[in-house]
Amino acid sequence: MNSDTENHGFGAVLKELGLKETPKRRVMLEILAEEQRFLSPEELWLALKGRFKTIGLPTVYRNLEELANGGVISTVIHPNRQLYYYFCTAESGHHHHFICTSCRRVEDIPECTVAAMEGEIVTRTGGKITSHIVQFNGFCRHCLADPNERTAI
């Protein structure tokens, strides 16, 4: 393992999820951790193909789903309805993200004000909330500063 892998503790994380630490899983996590933006499964697959002779796109999808279900990576729901993935390094526990739909930058929003609304929702619906997903989409300060840099995915 290289020092980046040891710093993130990928082996321990995979073991905790009951997943075997394979070279492909480890490199997948390394690539996601190195990025400061979200990636599509296809982009990750192309990056992995540069390092491994054989890796199928279904393998990438399956591993991304396992890692996202385990909370190791975050799922980004883009306005184009495609799922993207991001390695979130925040250690603040439950939080949300601001997603730049132009440059793909992801910023952590450490506060969760949705919890205050949950009581009202439970009262109105008579139901029980077990979780919520909140994601803020827009343009980051860098893309706002230079509109010519804005791109659409």
Protein backbone atom coordinates (compact mmCIF):
# COMPACT_ATOMS: atom_id res chain seq x y z
CA MET A 1 0.00 0.00 0.00
CA ASN A 2 1.13 3.51 -0.65
CA SER A 3 1.01 6.26 1.94
CA ASP A 4 -2.25 7.71 0.56
CA THR A 5 -3.95 4.38 1.04
CA GLU A 6 -2.58 4.04 4.55
CA ASN A 7 -3.66 7.60 5.42
CA HIS A 8 -7.23 6.93 4.34
CA GLY A 9 -7.23 3.45 5.89
CA PHE A 10 -8.90 1.91 2.85
CA GLY A 11 -8.01 -1.62 3.93
CA ALA A 12 -9.67 -1.19 7.31
CA VAL A 13 -12.70 0.49 5.77
CA LEU A 14 -13.19 -2.33 3.27
CA LYS A 15 -12.75 -4.93 5.98
CA GLU A 16 -15.32 -3.17 8.18
CA LEU A 17 -17.81 -3.34 5.29
CA GLY A 18 -17.11 -7.05 4.86
CA LEU A 19 -15.51 -6.43 1.47
CA LYS A 20 -12.28 -8.04 0.36
CA GLU A 21 -9.47 -5.55 -0.22
CA THR A 22 -8.67 -6.12 -3.88
CA PRO A 23 -6.23 -4.04 -5.94
CA LYS A 24 -9.13 -2.78 -8.09
CA ARG A 25 -11.21 -1.67 -5.09
CA ARG A 26 -8.22 0.00 -3.50
CA VAL A 27 -7.30 1.89 -6.70
CA MET A 28 -10.96 2.85 -7.19
CA LEU A 29 -10.94 4.47 -3.74
CA GLU A 30 -7.56 6.08 -4.41
CA ILE A 31 -8.83 7.67 -7.64
CA LEU A 32 -11.99 8.96 -5.97
CA ALA A 33 -9.98 10.28 -2.99
CA GLU A 34 -7.52 12.12 -5.25
CA GLU A 35 -10.31 13.97 -7.07
CA GLN A 36 -11.80 17.15 -5.68
CA ARG A 37 -14.89 16.64 -7.81
CA PHE A 38 -17.47 13.99 -8.55
CA LEU A 39 -16.98 11.33 -11.22
CA SER A 40 -19.32 9.22 -13.30
CA PRO A 41 -18.95 5.43 -13.26
CA GLU A 42 -17.76 5.62 -16.86
CA GLU A 43 -15.04 8.16 -16.01
CA LEU A 44 -13.84 5.99 -13.16
CA TRP A 45 -13.90 2.93 -15.41
CA LEU A 46 -11.72 4.70 -18.00
CA ALA A 47 -9.23 5.69 -15.28
CA LEU A 48 -9.15 2.11 -14.00
CA LYS A 49 -8.66 0.71 -17.50
CA GLY A 50 -5.40 2.66 -17.62
CA ARG A 51 -4.15 0.65 -14.62
CA PHE A 52 -5.73 -2.77 -15.14
CA LYS A 53 -5.87 -4.87 -18.29
CA THR A 54 -9.26 -6.29 -17.47
CA ILE A 55 -11.99 -4.48 -15.62
CA GLY A 56 -15.58 -4.36 -16.73
CA LEU A 57 -18.00 -1.50 -16.33
CA PRO A 58 -20.43 -3.77 -14.40
CA THR A 59 -17.65 -4.38 -11.85
CA VAL A 60 -17.23 -0.63 -11.40
CA TYR A 61 -20.98 -0.14 -10.95
CA ARG A 62 -21.21 -3.01 -8.44
CA ASN A 63 -18.30 -1.73 -6.38
CA LEU A 64 -19.57 1.85 -6.40
CA GLU A 65 -22.94 0.65 -5.14
CA GLU A 66 -21.33 -1.41 -2.36
CA LEU A 67 -19.10 1.50 -1.31
CA ALA A 68 -21.95 4.01 -1.40
CA ASN A 69 -24.24 1.69 0.59
CA GLY A 70 -21.46 1.35 3.16
CA GLY A 71 -21.11 5.13 3.42
CA VAL A 72 -17.51 5.19 2.17
CA ILE A 73 -18.35 7.33 -0.85
CA SER A 74 -21.19 9.77 -1.48
CA THR A 75 -23.68 9.62 -4.30
CA VAL A 76 -24.28 12.84 -6.22
CA ILE A 77 -27.63 13.09 -7.96
CA HIS A 78 -27.07 15.42 -10.90
CA PRO A 79 -29.90 17.45 -12.47
CA ASN A 80 -29.33 15.34 -15.61
CA ARG A 81 -30.56 12.38 -13.49
CA GLN A 82 -27.26 10.51 -13.73
CA LEU A 83 -25.58 9.29 -10.57
CA TYR A 84 -22.04 10.42 -9.88
CA TYR A 85 -19.74 9.53 -7.00
CA TYR A 86 -17.52 11.50 -4.66
CA PHE A 87 -15.11 10.49 -1.91
CA CYS A 88 -16.13 12.60 1.05
CA THR A 89 -13.38 13.17 3.59
CA ALA A 90 -15.54 15.07 6.08
CA GLU A 91 -15.36 13.64 9.56
CA SER A 92 -18.24 15.69 10.89
CA GLY A 93 -20.77 12.88 10.69
CA HIS A 94 -24.12 13.65 9.11
CA HIS A 95 -23.84 16.56 6.71
CA HIS A 96 -24.82 17.69 3.22
CA HIS A 97 -23.06 18.86 0.06
CA PHE A 98 -23.03 21.84 -2.28
CA ILE A 99 -22.48 20.55 -5.82
CA CYS A 100 -21.14 22.80 -8.58
CA THR A 101 -22.88 21.51 -11.69
CA SER A 102 -20.30 23.24 -13.86
CA CYS A 103 -16.82 22.30 -12.58
CA ARG A 104 -18.05 19.37 -10.41
CA ARG A 105 -16.51 20.73 -7.22
CA VAL A 106 -18.13 19.36 -4.07
CA GLU A 107 -18.14 21.34 -0.84
CA ASP A 108 -19.23 20.05 2.55
CA ILE A 109 -22.10 21.76 4.38
CA PRO A 110 -21.47 20.67 7.98
CA GLU A 111 -24.76 21.90 9.43
CA CYS A 112 -28.02 20.02 8.99
CA THR A 113 -30.99 22.30 9.49
CA VAL A 114 -33.37 19.71 8.04
CA ALA A 115 -33.55 17.94 11.39
CA ALA A 116 -35.58 20.89 12.72
CA MET A 117 -38.17 20.34 9.98
CA GLU A 118 -38.52 16.63 10.70
CA GLY A 119 -40.76 17.20 13.73
CA GLU A 120 -43.22 19.22 11.67
CA ILE A 121 -43.19 16.63 8.88
CA VAL A 122 -43.87 13.81 11.33
CA THR A 123 -46.73 15.80 12.86
CA ARG A 124 -48.28 16.53 9.45
CA THR A 125 -47.91 13.04 7.99
CA GLY A 126 -48.20 10.88 11.10
CA GLY A 127 -45.25 8.93 9.73
CA LYS A 128 -41.76 8.22 10.99
CA ILE A 129 -38.68 9.65 9.27
CA THR A 130 -35.74 7.28 9.14
CA SER A 131 -33.40 9.35 6.95
CA HIS A 132 -33.20 12.25 4.53
CA ILE A 133 -31.12 13.30 1.56
CA VAL A 134 -30.36 16.96 0.87
CA GLN A 135 -28.10 18.21 -1.88
CA PHE A 136 -27.61 21.79 -3.02
CA ASN A 137 -26.83 22.30 -6.72
CA GLY A 138 -25.51 25.47 -8.30
CA PHE A 139 -22.37 27.28 -9.42
CA CYS A 140 -19.38 27.61 -7.09
CA ARG A 141 -17.67 30.96 -6.52
CA HIS A 142 -14.98 30.14 -9.11
CA CYS A 143 -17.52 29.42 -11.85
CA LEU A 144 -19.55 32.51 -10.92
CA ALA A 145 -16.43 34.67 -11.19
CA ASP A 146 -15.80 33.53 -14.78
CA PRO A 147 -19.02 32.61 -16.63
CA ASN A 148 -16.94 31.55 -19.66
CA GLU A 149 -15.55 28.68 -17.59
CA ARG A 150 -19.02 27.24 -16.95
CA THR A 151 -19.66 23.94 -18.62
CA ALA A 152 -22.60 21.63 -18.65
CA ILE A 153 -22.31 17.95 -18.05
